[in-house]
C-alpha cells in the first residue's frame, strides 16, 4: 500500500499533514490499517462516524436508498429529506430545515438567513453585522473563516467578508459593547468551542448573551456542527442551556459518514428564505438523508444517558493524572491540556493503537458515541501512559 501514499503526495493537494498510516476498514470504534494493526478510535473522523464504522443500521438504510434513487435535484420532491426534516424539527423544536453538504455550508446558510431577516425587517443592509466569539471556528469558506474568531485564520486569503465583530468568550459585557457599537442582526456561538480548544461556555454567560440578543433585537445562532447529534449528551448542546436558538447549524455526525449539513430555522426566521434566495445542488441528497434519518431516530434517551455516563468515566480517569493540567468539554467531546505538546501525545498514541486529535494545543477526544466502556477505558489508559512519560 506504500504506492497509495506516494500517489497521494503526487496527486492530492498538499493541504493535510497526514499521519503515516493507511486505514482500510473498521467495525464500531475499532479501526484497521493496511498492515492489519488494530486501533481504538477516539476521533471518529473528527466527530463524524457517530456510530462508528460499518454500523449495520446506518449501512442498511444507505444501501436500501442507494438501490432506489441516489440523487434528484431540489426542483422535485424526494421522501428521505422530507422525513429527516420533519424528524429534526420534532426533536429540536425548530420549524424548517435547509440541507447542504457540510458544516461550513450550514453556517453560510445561517449567516445568509440572519442577514436577509434583517434586510426584510429594516429594508436595507445596514443591520448586517454578526457578533461571534473569540476562539470560535465556523468553517473554511471565505465567509465562515471571516466569522471565525481566531486571528490566525484571517491571513493569506483576503479580502475577507466584512460584517463580523468578535467578543471575548465568557464576557457578556463585551457582547453588549459590540451590540451598542454596531448595527448587529445576530450573535453566533458554539456552546463548546471545538477547534478553539474544546471549551464549554458557562450557562450563566450564555443566558446573558441570549438576554442581550433580545434586548438589541438580534437573532441567536448556535453552531452545532460538532456539538450536535448527541455528541455532548443531549441531542443538541443548547438543550443543556435552557433556551431555543433562532437558528441552529449542524453537520458532522448528522450524516454518519456521508456529507450532510443542515440549517435549522426557528419561528422568527422560518419564512425568511423564499424561492430562489438560497439553494444547493447536492443538499438533501436522498442517500445521505436516509442514513441521517436512521441515525437521528436512534439517538434516544438511553443512548444519551450512555454518552453522559462514558463522559463521566473518561473525565474521572483523566482528571488529576500525571502530566494532565486540565480537562474540558461536554459529553464525549473532551479536551486535555497536557504538560507536553499535544501533537507529540497524539503521534505516540497512534503508534500504540489509539487514534486521537488535537485542538488549539490540546488533545481532543470525540469517539463514536457507541464506543464500549472497555474500549474507552483501555484507550484512555494508553493515553495516560503516553502523557505521563
Protein backbone atom coordinates (compact mmCIF):
# COMPACT_ATOMS: atom_id res chain seq x y z
CA UNK A 1 0.00 0.00 0.00
CA UNK A 2 3.04 2.32 0.02
CA UNK A 3 2.11 3.19 -3.55
CA UNK A 4 -1.11 4.80 -2.27
CA UNK A 5 0.90 7.18 -0.08
CA UNK A 6 3.18 8.08 -2.99
CA UNK A 7 0.23 8.70 -5.30
CA UNK A 8 -1.44 10.81 -2.62
CA UNK A 9 1.63 13.01 -2.35
CA UNK A 10 1.76 13.36 -6.13
CA UNK A 11 -1.89 13.96 -6.94
CA UNK A 12 -3.72 15.27 -3.84
CA UNK A 13 -3.45 18.95 -2.94
CA UNK A 14 -0.94 19.29 -0.14
CA UNK A 15 -3.39 20.68 2.43
CA UNK A 16 -3.16 17.90 5.01
CA UNK A 17 -0.20 16.84 7.12
CA UNK A 18 -1.24 13.20 7.08
CA UNK A 19 -0.02 10.73 9.68
CA UNK A 20 1.97 7.83 8.20
CA UNK A 21 -0.86 5.29 8.36
CA UNK A 22 -3.30 3.92 5.79
CA UNK A 23 -6.64 2.88 7.25
CA UNK A 24 -8.60 0.27 5.32
CA UNK A 25 -11.56 -0.93 7.40
CA UNK A 26 -13.27 -0.83 10.74
CA UNK A 27 -16.10 -2.01 12.93
CA UNK A 28 -17.55 0.34 15.51
CA UNK A 29 -14.71 2.02 17.38
CA UNK A 30 -12.12 -0.48 16.12
CA UNK A 31 -10.13 0.53 13.02
CA UNK A 32 -7.62 -1.50 10.97
CA UNK A 33 -4.74 -0.32 8.82
CA UNK A 34 -3.24 -1.92 5.73
CA UNK A 35 -0.88 -3.98 7.91
CA UNK A 36 -3.76 -5.46 9.89
CA UNK A 37 -2.94 -3.46 13.02
CA UNK A 38 -5.93 -2.60 15.22
CA UNK A 39 -6.66 0.85 16.68
CA UNK A 40 -9.23 2.23 19.12
CA UNK A 41 -10.85 5.25 17.51
CA UNK A 42 -11.22 8.35 19.71
CA UNK A 43 -11.51 10.65 16.69
CA UNK A 44 -14.47 9.28 14.69
CA UNK A 45 -13.31 11.09 11.54
CA UNK A 46 -13.44 14.36 13.53
CA UNK A 47 -16.78 13.61 15.23
CA UNK A 48 -18.39 12.28 12.04
CA UNK A 49 -18.68 8.49 12.44
CA UNK A 50 -21.09 8.91 15.32
CA UNK A 51 -22.00 5.21 15.45
CA UNK A 52 -18.51 4.13 14.42
CA UNK A 53 -17.52 2.29 11.26
CA UNK A 54 -19.78 -0.03 9.29
CA UNK A 55 -22.78 0.45 11.57
CA UNK A 56 -25.34 -2.08 10.36
CA UNK A 57 -28.48 0.02 10.72
CA UNK A 58 -26.99 3.07 9.03
CA UNK A 59 -25.43 0.95 6.27
CA UNK A 60 -28.70 -0.85 5.53
CA UNK A 61 -30.59 2.45 5.29
CA UNK A 62 -27.99 3.87 2.92
CA UNK A 63 -27.81 0.78 0.72
CA UNK A 64 -31.60 0.49 0.51
CA UNK A 65 -31.92 4.09 -0.66
CA UNK A 66 -28.91 3.77 -2.97
CA UNK A 67 -30.67 0.97 -4.82
CA UNK A 68 -33.72 3.20 -5.40
CA UNK A 69 -32.60 6.75 -6.17
CA UNK A 70 -29.12 8.09 -5.46
CA UNK A 71 -29.85 11.72 -6.37
CA UNK A 72 -32.51 14.05 -7.65
CA UNK A 73 -32.36 17.82 -7.87
CA UNK A 74 -34.24 20.00 -5.43
CA UNK A 75 -36.61 21.03 -8.22
CA UNK A 76 -38.59 17.92 -7.25
CA UNK A 77 -39.80 16.18 -4.09
CA UNK A 78 -37.98 13.23 -2.56
CA UNK A 79 -39.07 11.35 0.55
CA UNK A 80 -35.85 10.97 2.64
CA UNK A 81 -35.10 14.69 3.03
CA UNK A 82 -38.70 15.47 3.96
CA UNK A 83 -38.79 12.69 6.57
CA UNK A 84 -35.46 13.84 8.00
CA UNK A 85 -36.53 17.50 8.13
CA UNK A 86 -39.74 16.55 9.96
CA UNK A 87 -37.82 14.42 12.48
CA UNK A 88 -35.24 17.15 13.09
CA UNK A 89 -37.95 19.75 13.69
CA UNK A 90 -39.88 17.46 16.01
CA UNK A 91 -36.75 16.63 18.03
CA UNK A 92 -35.29 20.15 18.13
CA UNK A 93 -38.31 22.46 18.40
CA UNK A 94 -37.28 24.26 15.21
CA UNK A 95 -39.68 24.91 12.32
CA UNK A 96 -37.92 24.36 8.99
CA UNK A 97 -34.65 22.94 7.65
CA UNK A 98 -32.33 23.81 4.80
CA UNK A 99 -29.97 20.99 3.79
CA UNK A 100 -26.42 21.46 2.48
CA UNK A 101 -23.35 19.26 2.37
CA UNK A 102 -21.15 20.42 5.24
CA UNK A 103 -20.85 22.43 8.41
CA UNK A 104 -19.44 25.39 6.53
CA UNK A 105 -22.47 25.39 4.21
CA UNK A 106 -24.83 25.12 7.17
CA UNK A 107 -23.11 28.15 8.71
CA UNK A 108 -23.22 30.03 5.41
CA UNK A 109 -26.97 29.43 5.35
CA UNK A 110 -27.27 30.63 8.96
CA UNK A 111 -25.37 33.84 8.12
CA UNK A 112 -27.40 34.47 4.96
CA UNK A 113 -30.66 33.85 6.81
CA UNK A 114 -29.77 36.29 9.60
CA UNK A 115 -28.79 39.00 7.14
CA UNK A 116 -31.87 38.51 4.95
CA UNK A 117 -34.07 38.57 8.08
CA UNK A 118 -32.55 41.94 8.96
CA UNK A 119 -32.92 43.18 5.37
CA UNK A 120 -36.59 42.21 5.35
CA UNK A 121 -37.07 43.92 8.71
CA UNK A 122 -35.21 47.18 8.02
CA UNK A 123 -35.46 47.45 4.23
CA UNK A 124 -31.71 47.73 3.64
CA UNK A 125 -28.40 46.08 4.52
CA UNK A 126 -27.41 48.42 7.35
CA UNK A 127 -28.10 45.86 10.10
CA UNK A 128 -25.86 43.11 8.76
CA UNK A 129 -23.11 42.75 11.38
CA UNK A 130 -22.88 39.47 13.27
CA UNK A 131 -21.15 39.08 16.64
CA UNK A 132 -19.11 35.90 17.00
CA UNK A 133 -16.83 34.80 19.83
CA UNK A 134 -13.06 34.82 20.09
CA UNK A 135 -11.82 31.24 19.92
CA UNK A 136 -14.66 30.18 17.65
CA UNK A 137 -14.36 28.21 14.42
CA UNK A 138 -17.16 28.26 11.85
CA UNK A 139 -15.67 26.83 8.64
CA UNK A 140 -13.15 27.27 5.84
CA UNK A 141 -15.05 29.18 3.18
CA UNK A 142 -14.10 32.86 2.95
CA UNK A 143 -17.21 33.96 4.83
CA UNK A 144 -17.09 31.31 7.54
CA UNK A 145 -13.37 32.00 8.01
CA UNK A 146 -14.35 35.64 8.43
CA UNK A 147 -16.87 34.61 11.07
CA UNK A 148 -14.23 32.56 12.88
CA UNK A 149 -12.94 34.41 15.93
CA UNK A 150 -9.27 33.45 15.61
CA UNK A 151 -6.84 35.90 14.02
CA UNK A 152 -4.58 33.11 12.78
CA UNK A 153 -7.26 32.27 10.20
CA UNK A 154 -7.54 35.84 8.92
CA UNK A 155 -4.44 35.89 6.71
CA UNK A 156 -3.39 34.80 3.21
CA UNK A 157 -6.90 34.64 1.72
CA UNK A 158 -8.05 38.26 1.93
CA UNK A 159 -10.02 40.31 1.37
CA UNK A 160 -12.28 38.64 3.89
CA UNK A 161 -16.04 39.09 4.10
CA UNK A 162 -16.87 42.16 6.20
CA UNK A 163 -19.61 42.33 8.80
CA UNK A 164 -18.22 40.31 11.69
CA UNK A 165 -17.05 41.53 15.11
CA UNK A 166 -15.59 39.36 17.84
CA UNK A 167 -16.49 39.30 21.53
CA UNK A 168 -14.45 37.72 24.29
CA UNK A 169 -15.93 34.37 25.27
CA UNK A 170 -17.34 34.26 28.81
CA UNK A 171 -17.56 38.10 28.86
CA UNK A 172 -21.18 39.18 28.38
CA UNK A 173 -20.29 42.85 28.80
CA UNK A 174 -18.12 42.62 25.69
CA UNK A 175 -21.05 41.23 23.70
CA UNK A 176 -23.21 44.14 24.83
CA UNK A 177 -20.47 46.63 23.99
CA UNK A 178 -20.37 45.36 20.42
CA UNK A 179 -24.17 45.34 20.18
CA UNK A 180 -24.15 49.02 21.14
CA UNK A 181 -21.31 49.98 18.78
CA UNK A 182 -22.52 48.16 15.66
CA UNK A 183 -25.76 47.55 13.83
CA UNK A 184 -25.99 43.84 14.56
CA UNK A 185 -28.50 41.33 13.28
CA UNK A 186 -27.28 38.28 15.22
CA UNK A 187 -24.89 36.75 17.71
CA UNK A 188 -23.36 33.42 16.71
CA UNK A 189 -21.69 30.97 19.10
CA UNK A 190 -20.54 27.42 19.66
CA UNK A 191 -21.63 26.30 23.12
CA UNK A 192 -18.49 24.18 23.29
CA UNK A 193 -15.72 25.61 21.10
CA UNK A 194 -14.22 22.58 19.38
CA UNK A 195 -11.34 23.77 17.23
CA UNK A 196 -10.76 26.59 19.72
CA UNK A 197 -9.72 24.17 22.47
CA UNK A 198 -12.84 22.19 23.45
CA UNK A 199 -14.02 24.90 25.85
CA UNK A 200 -17.62 24.83 27.05
CA UNK A 201 -19.34 28.16 27.61
CA UNK A 202 -20.73 28.82 31.08
CA UNK A 203 -24.52 28.58 31.34
CA UNK A 204 -24.83 31.97 33.07
CA UNK A 205 -22.82 33.63 30.31
CA UNK A 206 -24.95 32.05 27.57
CA UNK A 207 -28.16 33.14 29.29
CA UNK A 208 -26.79 36.69 29.49
CA UNK A 209 -25.93 36.64 25.78
CA UNK A 210 -29.46 35.48 24.94
CA UNK A 211 -30.88 38.34 27.01
CA UNK A 212 -28.59 40.84 25.25
CA UNK A 213 -29.71 39.50 21.86
CA UNK A 214 -33.33 40.02 22.85
CA UNK A 215 -32.59 43.49 24.21
CA UNK A 216 -30.94 44.68 21.00
CA UNK A 217 -33.26 42.88 18.58
CA UNK A 218 -30.68 40.32 17.43
CA UNK A 219 -31.12 36.69 16.46
CA UNK A 220 -29.26 33.91 18.28
CA UNK A 221 -27.37 31.44 16.09
CA UNK A 222 -25.88 28.32 17.63
CA UNK A 223 -23.23 26.45 15.66
CA UNK A 224 -23.80 22.76 16.48
CA UNK A 225 -21.66 21.41 13.65
CA UNK A 226 -19.52 19.44 16.10
CA UNK A 227 -21.58 19.56 19.31
CA UNK A 228 -24.80 18.33 17.73
CA UNK A 229 -26.43 14.96 17.19
CA UNK A 230 -25.83 13.52 20.64
CA UNK A 231 -22.17 14.42 20.95
CA UNK A 232 -22.50 16.42 24.19
CA UNK A 233 -25.01 14.17 25.95
CA UNK A 234 -28.16 15.86 24.66
CA UNK A 235 -29.40 15.81 21.08
CA UNK A 236 -28.11 19.39 20.72
CA UNK A 237 -25.94 21.23 23.19
CA UNK A 238 -28.33 24.18 23.53
CA UNK A 239 -30.74 21.83 25.27
CA UNK A 240 -28.40 21.93 28.28
CA UNK A 241 -28.56 25.73 28.44
CA UNK A 242 -32.29 26.30 28.79
CA UNK A 243 -33.08 28.23 25.62
CA UNK A 244 -34.05 27.65 21.99
CA UNK A 245 -31.97 29.49 19.37
CA UNK A 246 -33.42 31.21 16.33
CA UNK A 247 -31.05 29.33 14.01
CA UNK A 248 -29.05 26.12 14.55
CA UNK A 249 -26.40 24.79 12.17
CA UNK A 250 -25.24 21.20 12.29
CA UNK A 251 -23.32 18.62 10.23
CA UNK A 252 -20.53 16.11 11.02
CA UNK A 253 -22.30 13.33 12.95
CA UNK A 254 -25.62 14.06 11.23
CA UNK A 255 -24.65 12.20 8.07
CA UNK A 256 -22.83 9.41 9.89
CA UNK A 257 -20.03 9.48 7.31
CA UNK A 258 -21.79 10.91 4.27
CA UNK A 259 -21.60 14.65 3.51
CA UNK A 260 -24.64 16.36 5.01
CA UNK A 261 -25.20 19.68 6.74
CA UNK A 262 -28.39 21.25 7.99
CA UNK A 263 -29.50 24.74 8.97
CA UNK A 264 -32.47 24.55 11.33
CA UNK A 265 -34.72 27.61 11.31
CA UNK A 266 -36.78 28.71 14.29
CA UNK A 267 -40.12 30.51 14.37
CA UNK A 268 -38.75 34.04 13.83
CA UNK A 269 -36.94 33.07 10.64
CA UNK A 270 -38.91 30.11 9.33
CA UNK A 271 -40.19 32.09 6.34
CA UNK A 272 -37.09 34.22 5.70
CA UNK A 273 -35.70 32.08 2.89
CA UNK A 274 -38.04 32.16 -0.09
CA UNK A 275 -37.86 30.67 -3.57
CA UNK A 276 -34.54 31.48 -5.23
CA UNK A 277 -32.94 33.05 -2.15
CA UNK A 278 -30.72 30.05 -1.47
CA UNK A 279 -30.02 26.63 -2.91
CA UNK A 280 -27.77 23.59 -3.15
CA UNK A 281 -27.30 21.01 -5.88
CA UNK A 282 -26.46 18.14 -3.54
CA UNK A 283 -28.17 19.38 -0.36
CA UNK A 284 -30.84 16.97 0.84
CA UNK A 285 -29.36 14.10 -1.16
CA UNK A 286 -31.67 11.08 -0.70
CA UNK A 287 -28.89 8.65 0.27
CA UNK A 288 -27.30 10.98 2.82
CA UNK A 289 -30.70 11.84 4.28
CA UNK A 290 -31.76 8.20 4.53
CA UNK A 291 -28.63 7.47 6.55
CA UNK A 292 -29.15 10.55 8.71
CA UNK A 293 -32.77 9.63 9.41
CA UNK A 294 -31.59 6.28 10.72
CA UNK A 295 -29.05 8.00 12.98
CA UNK A 296 -31.31 10.70 14.43
CA UNK A 297 -34.12 8.21 15.05
CA UNK A 298 -31.72 6.09 17.14
CA UNK A 299 -30.33 8.91 19.31
CA UNK A 300 -32.75 8.26 22.16
CA UNK A 301 -32.70 8.89 25.91
CA UNK A 302 -30.92 5.60 26.58
CA UNK A 303 -28.09 6.42 24.20
CA UNK A 304 -27.75 9.97 25.52
CA UNK A 305 -27.61 8.70 29.10
CA UNK A 306 -24.89 6.30 27.98
CA UNK A 307 -22.94 9.19 26.42
CA UNK A 308 -23.09 11.11 29.69
CA UNK A 309 -22.02 8.02 31.63
CA UNK A 310 -19.00 7.40 29.38
CA UNK A 311 -18.11 11.09 29.56
CA UNK A 312 -18.01 10.85 33.36
CA UNK A 313 -15.82 7.74 33.16
CA UNK A 314 -13.37 9.44 30.81
CA UNK A 315 -13.11 12.61 32.88
CA UNK A 316 -12.72 10.65 36.12
CA UNK A 317 -9.84 8.70 34.59
CA UNK A 318 -8.14 11.78 33.15
CA UNK A 319 -8.53 14.49 35.75
CA UNK A 320 -5.57 14.78 38.09
CA UNK A 321 -3.47 12.23 36.21
CA UNK A 322 0.24 12.78 35.79
CA UNK A 323 1.09 15.24 33.01
CA UNK A 324 -2.51 16.48 32.65
CA UNK A 325 -3.08 20.14 33.52
CA UNK A 326 -6.82 20.33 32.86
CA UNK A 327 -9.77 18.56 31.22
CA UNK A 328 -12.55 20.45 29.42
CA UNK A 329 -15.54 19.86 27.17
CA UNK A 330 -19.08 18.48 27.19
CA UNK A 331 -20.20 14.87 26.87
CA UNK A 332 -17.98 12.83 24.55
CA UNK A 333 -16.26 15.99 23.32
CA UNK A 334 -13.25 16.22 25.60
CA UNK A 335 -10.15 18.43 25.61
CA UNK A 336 -6.99 17.51 27.52
CA UNK A 337 -4.41 20.17 28.33
CA UNK A 338 -1.09 18.37 28.74
CA UNK A 339 2.32 19.37 30.01
CA UNK A 340 3.86 18.01 26.79
CA UNK A 341 2.85 19.16 23.28
CA UNK A 342 -0.48 17.74 22.14
CA UNK A 343 0.92 16.76 18.75
CA UNK A 344 3.55 14.57 20.40
CA UNK A 345 0.89 12.84 22.51
CA UNK A 346 -1.34 12.14 19.51
CA UNK A 347 1.58 10.88 17.41
CA UNK A 348 2.81 8.48 20.09
CA UNK A 349 -0.71 7.31 20.92
CA UNK A 350 -1.24 6.41 17.27
CA UNK A 351 1.87 4.22 17.37
CA UNK A 352 0.33 2.41 20.33
CA UNK A 353 -3.03 1.88 18.68
CA UNK A 354 -5.13 4.88 19.77
CA UNK A 355 -6.50 7.49 17.36
CA UNK A 356 -6.88 10.94 18.93
CA UNK A 357 -6.94 14.53 17.65
CA UNK A 358 -5.60 17.93 18.58
CA UNK A 359 -7.42 21.23 19.05
CA UNK A 360 -5.68 24.52 19.79
CA UNK A 361 -2.87 22.98 21.79
CA UNK A 362 -4.98 20.31 23.47
CA UNK A 363 -5.57 16.62 22.86
CA UNK A 364 -9.15 16.25 21.63
CA UNK A 365 -11.30 13.14 22.08
CA UNK A 366 -14.52 12.73 20.06
CA UNK A 367 -15.06 8.95 19.88
CA UNK A 368 -18.06 7.21 18.36
CA UNK A 369 -20.97 7.51 20.77
CA UNK A 370 -21.26 3.73 20.68
CA UNK A 371 -17.70 3.06 21.85
CA UNK A 372 -17.78 0.44 24.59
CA UNK A 373 -16.72 1.28 28.13
CA UNK A 374 -13.97 -1.32 27.84
CA UNK A 375 -12.61 0.25 24.65
CA UNK A 376 -12.81 3.74 26.11
CA UNK A 377 -11.07 2.76 29.35
CA UNK A 378 -8.32 0.87 27.51
CA UNK A 379 -7.68 3.76 25.14
CA UNK A 380 -7.54 6.29 27.97
CA UNK A 381 -5.12 4.08 29.87
CA UNK A 382 -2.79 4.16 26.88
CA UNK A 383 -3.23 7.95 26.53
CA UNK A 384 -2.41 8.46 30.21
CA UNK A 385 0.75 6.40 29.83
CA UNK A 386 1.86 8.50 26.86
CA UNK A 387 1.05 11.78 28.61
CA UNK A 388 2.85 10.78 31.81
CA UNK A 389 6.12 9.74 30.12
